Protein backbone atom coordinates (compact mmCIF):
# COMPACT_ATOMS: atom_id res chain seq x y z
CA MET A 1 -8.10 -21.41 -22.44
CA ALA A 2 -5.46 -20.94 -25.08
CA ASP A 3 -3.39 -18.56 -22.95
CA ALA A 4 0.06 -20.06 -22.39
CA ALA A 5 0.03 -18.97 -18.76
CA LEU A 6 -2.76 -21.41 -18.09
CA THR A 7 -0.70 -24.40 -19.13
CA ASP A 8 3.00 -23.76 -18.69
CA GLY A 9 2.94 -23.39 -14.91
CA ALA A 10 5.48 -20.53 -15.02
CA PRO A 11 5.24 -17.93 -12.21
CA PRO A 12 3.60 -14.82 -13.63
CA CYS A 13 4.79 -11.27 -13.32
CA LYS A 14 2.98 -8.87 -11.03
CA LYS A 15 1.53 -6.94 -13.96
CA VAL A 16 -1.99 -8.23 -14.38
CA ALA A 17 -3.14 -9.14 -17.87
CA PRO A 18 -6.83 -9.41 -18.80
CA PRO A 19 -8.38 -12.48 -17.12
CA VAL A 20 -8.88 -15.63 -19.15
CA SER A 21 -12.45 -16.88 -19.15
CA CYS A 22 -13.46 -20.52 -18.47
CA PRO A 23 -17.18 -20.35 -17.57
CA GLU A 24 -17.87 -23.93 -18.65
CA VAL A 25 -15.65 -25.23 -15.84
CA TYR A 26 -17.92 -23.74 -13.23
CA LEU A 27 -21.32 -24.03 -14.88
CA THR A 28 -21.30 -27.54 -16.30
CA LYS A 29 -22.38 -30.44 -14.12
CA PRO A 30 -20.64 -33.80 -14.61
CA PRO A 31 -22.84 -36.85 -15.24
CA GLN A 32 -24.58 -37.54 -11.97
CA PRO A 33 -24.17 -40.89 -10.17
CA LYS A 34 -26.82 -43.41 -11.13
CA LYS A 35 -26.68 -45.10 -7.75
CA LYS A 36 -28.16 -43.38 -4.68
CA LYS A 37 -25.54 -42.99 -1.94
CA PRO A 38 -25.56 -41.61 1.60
CA GLY A 39 -24.70 -37.91 1.82
CA GLN A 40 -25.61 -37.07 -1.77
CA LEU A 41 -27.17 -33.69 -2.29
CA THR A 42 -30.56 -33.18 -3.90
CA ALA A 43 -30.77 -32.27 -7.56
CA GLU A 44 -31.80 -28.75 -6.51
CA GLN A 45 -28.75 -28.36 -4.28
CA VAL A 46 -26.40 -29.51 -7.05
CA ASP A 47 -28.05 -27.12 -9.46
CA GLN A 48 -27.56 -24.25 -6.98
CA PHE A 49 -23.86 -25.06 -6.61
CA PHE A 50 -23.33 -24.69 -10.35
CA GLU A 51 -25.76 -21.80 -10.92
CA GLU A 52 -24.95 -19.66 -7.90
CA GLY A 53 -21.46 -20.88 -7.03
CA TYR A 54 -22.28 -22.23 -3.58
CA VAL A 55 -24.77 -24.28 -1.61
CA LEU A 56 -25.31 -24.39 2.13
CA VAL A 57 -26.32 -27.73 3.69
CA LYS A 58 -27.33 -26.99 7.27
CA ASP A 59 -27.51 -30.49 8.72
CA PHE A 60 -24.79 -32.51 6.98
CA PHE A 61 -22.89 -33.83 10.05
CA THR A 62 -24.00 -34.88 13.49
CA PRO A 63 -22.25 -33.42 16.60
CA GLU A 64 -20.84 -36.89 17.25
CA GLU A 65 -19.15 -36.94 13.84
CA LEU A 66 -17.44 -33.59 14.46
CA GLN A 67 -16.42 -34.13 18.09
CA PRO A 68 -13.17 -35.94 17.14
CA VAL A 69 -12.22 -32.89 15.05
CA ARG A 70 -12.84 -30.59 18.00
CA ASP A 71 -10.74 -32.89 20.18
CA ALA A 72 -7.93 -32.84 17.62
CA VAL A 73 -7.96 -29.03 17.54
CA GLU A 74 -7.83 -28.93 21.33
CA ASP A 75 -4.80 -31.25 21.22
CA LEU A 76 -3.03 -29.02 18.68
CA VAL A 77 -3.57 -25.95 20.86
CA ASP A 78 -2.26 -27.86 23.87
CA LYS A 79 0.90 -28.97 22.04
CA LEU A 80 1.57 -25.45 20.77
CA ALA A 81 1.04 -23.95 24.24
CA GLU A 82 3.49 -26.43 25.78
CA LYS A 83 6.11 -25.71 23.09
CA MET A 84 5.75 -21.96 23.57
CA HIS A 85 5.98 -22.27 27.34
CA LYS A 86 9.09 -24.46 27.09
CA ALA A 87 10.67 -21.89 24.74
CA GLY A 88 9.91 -19.05 27.17
CA LYS A 89 7.46 -17.33 24.85
CA ILE A 90 4.57 -17.47 27.35
CA LYS A 91 4.31 -17.66 31.14
CA ASP A 92 0.92 -19.41 31.34
CA THR A 93 -0.32 -22.25 29.12
CA HIS A 94 -3.91 -21.52 30.16
CA LYS A 95 -4.52 -25.24 30.51
CA GLY A 96 -7.90 -24.79 32.12
CA ALA A 97 -9.37 -22.64 29.36
CA GLY A 98 -11.76 -24.27 26.90
CA LEU A 99 -11.44 -24.85 23.16
CA PHE A 100 -13.19 -21.59 22.34
CA GLN A 101 -11.12 -19.36 24.66
CA ARG A 102 -7.61 -20.83 25.12
CA LEU A 103 -6.01 -19.65 21.89
CA THR A 104 -7.30 -16.12 22.54
CA LEU A 105 -5.50 -16.09 25.89
CA LEU A 106 -2.33 -17.37 24.27
CA GLU A 107 -2.67 -14.70 21.55
CA LYS A 108 -2.86 -11.97 24.20
CA GLU A 109 0.36 -13.20 25.78
CA PHE A 110 2.18 -13.77 22.50
CA PRO A 111 0.62 -11.87 19.57
CA GLY A 112 0.70 -13.96 16.45
CA THR A 113 -0.05 -17.29 18.11
CA ALA A 114 -3.17 -17.79 16.01
CA VAL A 115 -1.08 -17.34 12.85
CA ILE A 116 1.58 -19.76 14.10
CA LEU A 117 -1.06 -22.47 14.59
CA HIS A 118 -2.45 -21.72 11.14
CA LYS A 119 1.06 -22.13 9.69
CA TRP A 120 1.70 -25.42 11.43
CA GLY A 121 -0.26 -27.39 8.87
CA LYS A 122 -0.61 -30.42 11.14
CA LEU A 123 -3.10 -32.93 9.74
CA PRO A 124 -4.37 -35.09 12.65
CA GLN A 125 -6.16 -38.37 11.96
CA ALA A 126 -9.51 -36.75 12.76
CA PHE A 127 -8.95 -34.17 9.99
CA ARG A 128 -8.04 -36.94 7.54
CA ASP A 129 -11.10 -38.92 8.49
CA LEU A 130 -13.34 -35.89 7.95
CA TRP A 131 -11.69 -35.08 4.59
CA THR A 132 -12.30 -38.63 3.37
CA ASN A 133 -15.69 -39.05 5.01
CA GLU A 134 -17.70 -41.35 2.71
CA ARG A 135 -20.84 -39.19 2.82
CA LEU A 136 -18.79 -36.05 2.14
CA LEU A 137 -17.01 -37.68 -0.84
CA ASN A 138 -20.39 -38.82 -2.17
CA ALA A 139 -21.47 -35.17 -2.27
CA VAL A 140 -18.18 -34.05 -3.86
CA GLU A 141 -18.58 -36.72 -6.54
CA GLN A 142 -21.65 -34.83 -7.73
CA PHE A 143 -19.41 -31.84 -8.44
CA VAL A 144 -16.22 -33.37 -9.91
CA GLY A 145 -17.09 -36.92 -10.94
CA PRO A 146 -16.08 -40.37 -9.61
CA ASN A 147 -12.32 -39.74 -9.43
CA ILE A 148 -11.55 -37.47 -6.49
CA ALA A 149 -8.30 -36.05 -5.11
CA GLY A 150 -7.69 -33.89 -2.05
CA HIS A 151 -6.09 -30.57 -3.02
CA PRO A 152 -2.70 -29.70 -1.48
CA VAL A 153 -4.22 -26.60 0.13
CA TRP A 154 -6.41 -27.10 3.20
CA ASN A 155 -6.73 -24.89 6.27
CA LEU A 156 -7.58 -24.86 9.93
CA ARG A 157 -8.96 -21.38 10.54
CA THR A 158 -7.90 -20.01 13.91
CA LYS A 159 -10.33 -17.09 14.02
CA THR A 160 -9.76 -15.44 17.37
CA PRO A 161 -11.91 -12.41 18.25
CA SER A 162 -11.08 -9.01 16.69
CA ASN A 163 -7.92 -10.20 14.98
CA GLU A 164 -7.12 -8.74 11.57
CA GLN A 165 -4.62 -11.52 10.84
CA VAL A 166 -7.37 -14.14 10.68
CA THR A 167 -10.05 -12.11 8.93
CA VAL A 168 -9.88 -12.86 5.19
CA PRO A 169 -11.03 -10.10 2.78
CA TRP A 170 -12.93 -10.49 -0.53
CA HIS A 171 -11.06 -12.87 -2.85
CA GLN A 172 -11.37 -15.77 -5.22
CA ASP A 173 -9.46 -18.92 -4.20
CA ASN A 174 -7.89 -19.08 -7.69
CA ALA A 175 -6.02 -15.86 -6.85
CA TYR A 176 -3.80 -17.83 -4.44
CA LEU A 177 -2.90 -20.42 -7.09
CA GLN A 178 -1.13 -20.57 -10.44
CA PRO A 179 -3.28 -19.49 -13.42
CA ALA A 180 -3.78 -23.12 -14.44
CA SER A 181 -6.17 -23.56 -11.53
CA LEU A 182 -8.78 -21.54 -13.40
CA GLY A 183 -9.39 -24.53 -15.66
CA THR A 184 -10.04 -26.94 -12.79
CA LEU A 185 -13.15 -27.04 -10.66
CA GLN A 186 -12.04 -27.28 -7.01
CA PRO A 187 -14.99 -27.50 -4.61
CA THR A 188 -14.39 -26.44 -1.04
CA ALA A 189 -16.27 -27.60 2.01
CA TRP A 190 -16.20 -24.93 4.71
CA ILE A 191 -16.99 -26.65 8.01
CA PRO A 192 -17.31 -24.55 11.20
CA LEU A 193 -16.76 -26.22 14.57
CA LEU A 194 -19.50 -24.22 16.26
CA ASN A 195 -22.47 -22.19 15.06
CA ALA A 196 -20.98 -19.69 12.59
CA THR A 197 -22.90 -16.38 12.81
CA THR A 198 -22.63 -12.82 11.63
CA LYS A 199 -21.34 -11.90 15.08
CA ASN A 200 -18.50 -14.43 15.23
CA GLY A 201 -17.34 -14.09 11.63
CA CYS A 202 -19.27 -16.30 9.23
CA MET A 203 -18.71 -16.21 5.48
CA GLN A 204 -20.19 -13.95 2.84
CA ILE A 205 -20.52 -15.09 -0.77
CA LEU A 206 -20.93 -13.04 -3.93
CA ARG A 207 -23.68 -15.09 -5.57
CA GLY A 208 -23.06 -15.68 -9.29
CA GLY A 209 -19.56 -14.18 -9.21
CA HIS A 210 -18.23 -17.34 -10.88
CA LYS A 211 -20.38 -17.18 -14.00
CA LYS A 212 -17.81 -15.47 -16.22
CA GLY A 213 -15.22 -18.02 -15.23
CA MET A 214 -12.64 -15.34 -14.56
CA THR A 215 -10.03 -14.67 -11.92
CA ALA A 216 -10.41 -10.91 -11.54
CA PRO A 217 -7.40 -8.73 -10.66
CA HIS A 218 -6.44 -8.84 -7.00
CA VAL A 219 -3.97 -6.66 -5.04
CA CYS A 220 -1.60 -7.46 -2.18
CA CYS A 221 -1.62 -7.19 0.74
CA ALA A 222 -4.70 -6.30 2.76
CA GLY A 223 -3.88 -4.27 5.90
CA GLY A 224 -1.22 -5.95 8.00
CA THR A 225 -1.87 -9.40 6.52
CA TRP A 226 -0.61 -11.69 3.77
CA TYR A 227 -3.98 -11.83 2.07
CA VAL A 228 -4.67 -10.65 -1.45
CA GLU A 229 -7.86 -8.65 -1.97
CA LEU A 230 -10.51 -8.24 -4.63
CA SER A 231 -11.99 -4.76 -4.94
CA GLU A 232 -15.72 -4.08 -5.00
CA GLU A 233 -15.17 -2.23 -8.28
CA ASP A 234 -13.77 -5.36 -9.94
CA MET A 235 -16.52 -7.49 -8.49
CA GLU A 236 -19.00 -5.28 -10.28
CA GLU A 237 -17.16 -4.28 -13.45
CA THR A 238 -15.06 -7.39 -14.17
CA LEU A 239 -17.32 -10.10 -12.77
CA GLY A 240 -20.62 -8.32 -13.56
CA CYS A 241 -22.13 -8.62 -10.06
CA ASP A 242 -24.50 -6.28 -8.24
CA LEU A 243 -23.21 -5.85 -4.69
CA LYS A 244 -26.58 -4.62 -3.48
CA LYS A 245 -28.29 -7.84 -4.56
CA ASP A 246 -25.66 -10.55 -4.81
CA ILE A 247 -23.93 -10.58 -1.42
CA VAL A 248 -25.20 -13.46 0.67
CA THR A 249 -24.35 -13.83 4.36
CA CYS A 250 -24.01 -17.54 5.12
CA GLU A 251 -24.63 -18.37 8.74
CA VAL A 252 -23.80 -22.05 9.15
CA PRO A 253 -25.01 -24.06 12.15
CA TYR A 254 -22.73 -26.57 13.85
CA GLY A 255 -22.97 -29.68 11.69
CA GLY A 256 -23.55 -27.68 8.52
CA VAL A 257 -21.32 -27.45 5.46
CA LEU A 258 -20.93 -24.55 3.05
CA PHE A 259 -19.86 -25.86 -0.37
CA LEU A 260 -18.33 -23.27 -2.75
CA ASN A 261 -16.23 -23.32 -5.89
CA ASN A 262 -12.77 -21.82 -6.43
CA CYS A 263 -13.99 -18.96 -8.62
CA ILE A 264 -16.73 -17.51 -6.39
CA PRO A 265 -15.75 -14.33 -4.52
CA HIS A 266 -16.11 -14.67 -0.75
CA ARG A 267 -14.82 -13.32 2.54
CA SER A 268 -15.09 -13.85 6.27
CA LEU A 269 -16.58 -11.24 8.55
CA GLU A 270 -14.83 -9.97 11.68
CA ASN A 271 -15.28 -11.98 14.83
CA TYR A 272 -16.96 -9.69 17.36
CA SER A 273 -17.86 -12.47 19.78
CA ASP A 274 -15.88 -13.65 22.79
CA GLU A 275 -15.29 -17.12 21.31
CA ILE A 276 -12.89 -18.49 18.70
CA ARG A 277 -14.67 -19.32 15.47
CA TRP A 278 -12.81 -22.49 14.52
CA SER A 279 -13.38 -23.92 11.05
CA LEU A 280 -11.83 -26.23 8.48
CA ASP A 281 -11.79 -25.68 4.74
CA LEU A 282 -11.14 -28.82 2.68
CA ARG A 283 -10.75 -28.97 -1.09
CA TRP A 284 -11.03 -31.58 -3.83
CA GLN A 285 -10.67 -31.87 -7.59
CA ASP A 286 -10.39 -34.30 -10.48
CA PRO A 287 -6.89 -35.81 -10.07
CA ALA A 288 -6.26 -35.67 -13.82
CA LYS A 289 -6.37 -31.86 -13.81
CA PRO A 290 -3.81 -29.28 -12.58
CA SER A 291 -4.09 -28.17 -8.99
CA GLY A 292 -2.36 -24.80 -9.48
CA PHE A 293 -0.37 -25.34 -6.26
CA TRP A 294 2.91 -23.43 -6.27
CA GLY A 295 5.06 -26.07 -4.60
CA ASP A 296 6.01 -29.61 -5.51
CA LYS A 297 3.45 -31.20 -3.21
CA LYS A 298 0.90 -33.23 -5.17
CA HIS A 299 -2.74 -33.78 -4.48
CA ILE A 300 -3.76 -36.95 -2.60
CA LEU A 301 -5.97 -39.45 -4.35
CA MET A 302 -9.06 -40.22 -2.24
CA ARG A 303 -11.36 -42.12 -4.59
CA THR A 304 -10.91 -43.79 -7.96
CA GLU A 305 -13.58 -45.24 -10.21
CA GLY A 306 -11.45 -48.25 -11.08
CA ASP A 307 -10.94 -49.36 -7.47
CA PRO A 308 -14.01 -48.98 -5.23
CA GLY A 309 -12.00 -50.13 -2.20
CA TYR A 310 -9.16 -47.65 -2.67
CA LYS A 311 -7.68 -46.11 0.50
CA PRO A 312 -5.66 -42.85 0.48
CA VAL A 313 -1.91 -43.14 1.00
CA TRP A 314 -1.07 -40.34 3.43
CA ASP A 315 2.68 -41.02 3.67
CA GLY A 316 4.53 -38.05 2.23
CA PHE A 317 1.44 -35.87 2.06
CA VAL A 318 1.12 -35.24 5.78
CA ASP A 319 4.88 -34.78 6.20
CA VAL A 320 5.21 -31.72 3.98
CA THR A 321 3.24 -28.61 4.90
CA LYS A 322 2.18 -26.03 2.34
CA THR A 323 4.00 -23.35 4.36
CA LEU A 324 7.33 -25.14 3.92
CA GLN A 325 6.60 -25.58 0.19
CA TYR A 326 5.83 -21.88 -0.15
CA GLU A 327 9.04 -20.91 1.62
CA GLU A 328 11.12 -23.15 -0.65
CA LYS A 329 9.38 -21.81 -3.73
CA MET A 330 9.99 -18.21 -2.73
CA LYS A 331 13.69 -18.90 -2.20
CA GLY A 332 13.83 -20.54 -5.62
CA LEU A 333 12.26 -17.46 -7.17
CA GLY A 334 14.93 -15.21 -5.80
CA VAL A 335 12.99 -13.59 -2.98
CA ASP A 336 15.17 -12.76 0.00
CA GLN A 337 12.90 -13.82 2.84
CA GLU A 338 13.07 -12.89 6.45
CA SER A 339 14.66 -15.79 8.27
CA ASP A 340 12.06 -18.27 9.44
CA ASP A 341 14.34 -20.44 11.52
CA ASP A 342 12.22 -19.41 14.52
CA GLU A 343 9.22 -21.77 14.62
CA PHE A 344 7.31 -19.03 16.46
CA ASN A 345 7.64 -16.51 13.65
CA PRO A 346 4.10 -15.38 12.68
CA THR A 347 5.18 -14.10 9.26
CA ILE A 348 3.67 -15.71 6.15
CA GLN A 349 4.89 -15.31 2.58
CA GLY A 350 3.94 -17.13 -0.59
CA PRO A 351 4.22 -16.99 -4.38
CA TRP A 352 0.65 -15.65 -4.72
CA MET A 353 2.11 -12.29 -3.52
CA LEU A 354 4.22 -12.22 -6.68
CA ARG A 355 1.26 -12.79 -8.97
CA TRP A 356 -0.50 -9.56 -8.08
CA LYS A 357 0.44 -5.90 -7.71
CA ILE A 358 1.68 -5.01 -4.24
CA VAL A 359 -0.10 -1.83 -3.14
CA HIS A 360 0.57 -2.10 0.56
CA HIS A 361 3.68 -3.34 2.34
CA ASN A 362 3.90 -4.88 5.78
CA ARG A 363 6.09 -7.45 7.57
CA HIS A 364 4.75 -10.24 5.37
CA THR A 365 5.98 -8.56 2.14
CA LYS A 366 9.51 -7.90 3.41
CA GLY A 367 12.09 -8.93 0.85
CA ILE A 368 9.69 -9.28 -2.06
CA GLU A 369 10.60 -6.01 -3.80
CA GLU A 370 14.25 -7.06 -3.75
CA GLY A 371 13.29 -9.91 -6.09
CA HIS A 372 11.52 -7.64 -8.56
CA ASP A 373 14.24 -7.86 -11.21
CA LYS A 374 13.82 -11.61 -11.48
CA MET A 375 10.05 -11.30 -11.46
CA SER A 376 10.14 -9.00 -14.50
CA THR A 377 11.05 -11.93 -16.72
CA TRP A 378 8.05 -14.07 -15.74
CA HIS A 379 5.00 -14.76 -17.86
CA LYS A 380 2.00 -12.57 -17.33
CA ALA A 381 -1.08 -13.86 -15.56
């Protein structure tokens, strides 16, 4: 971890240098809590998380615990539909459609609606309550220790059927962050709001792809999206995985949680069902370590060993979305972005695009090449 790019926080140039290796970050368990707490995983489940890079817990939440989250998502869709209707973007708000169909109908009327909702970054109380759920934090403590912060990056996944814009290709989460994130374990809880199956676009994991502790080279951007992508060749040659044996399809029942680390390669499958596969991904880390987030937004402290009764202070955190932070960062880096004054613009840009080689251009990469001269002076990844 002696590479300067891991510590100075400077935006790297697109030219990819050999990955830095930090296997101990992902393979070393912290001291486990001595006190038994609700929600804690078994020793075998914790071992699997560190040895294989993920663990699936099929019955973590009850339907009653997740219903407020479903209700909050339904409210977000309703508010977006009303705003779009008032702005003349759609003729029908499809008020009578259910949670698992309405956004699809809005998407058909105004392509890009699913991306717009993804960009919103609204954090309703039900999302906050889930993120700080005591049982969930007790499980996370087994990964990162007694001091726990919520990472600045979290997502509501608006996975409408057969929509390339919401189908994420093979990647490592570290590829979307500054290089410093490689030295910080950042567990994610992927929580679907219905049964996640192969048909409706569940996750696939590359088991053991974290063991070298490397962020392999990625390229930008996949298809017509803003996503970076990890090639099968690099998964085998750089990360040392066997795609015939190591790919695991993770179907997660409603109430289940898929825990994974920030170095494990993963992707979502296409949604071939007739329902929206809603999900949340929430992240945590040790607050004393770098988050790798590109903007100025800090993590939010959720638990501290020195104050058992500590309550998160959401003021400031919920008011600044990661999308706004990305836009400000891109402007500061000299990238001439497409104007995003229109709140219904489904374009997404971010500094992660500048970290990797751009091999395919689309509307999301517009203006990035114009900033290439400034990028050439950055530190390498």
